[in-house]
Amino acid sequence: MTAGPATVVLWQVGALAIVIAAVFAFAWLSRRISRTTVRGGAPLRVVGAASVGTRERVVVVEIGGTWLVVGVAPGQVEALHTMPRMDTTDAGGSAAPGFSSWLARSLEGRTRQGGGGT
């Protein structure tokens, strides 16, 4: 006894649905397992980032109770500043203006220092 063409198509669609569901389940599981942790279990979280060039960024990373301000360029990562953790949200859940103004002042100061006469 052979299966008809409709039955074969139905089996193929079912098998494809199972494969697609498995891919989505694997993606969800891998994101859930790899919750940005550093060896030793210290949580690592990107607090904020600002683009300062075409391929350069300044990134604030939280590790434990410390914030690291890091300059990131292709093939290079450099620590710019270390500071204790700050509260970045107000009652409305938006970023506090103190942090953004601090970051702007810090970048402006670095630009003045590095952009001196030649």
Foldseek 3Di string as FASTA:
>chain_A
DDDDPVVVVVVVVVVVVVVVVVVVVVVVVVCVVPQQADPVGWHKDWPDKDDPDPFKIWTWIDTHQKIWTWIDGVPDIGTDDIDGHDDQQDPVGHGDPVVVVVVVVVVVVVCVVVVDDD
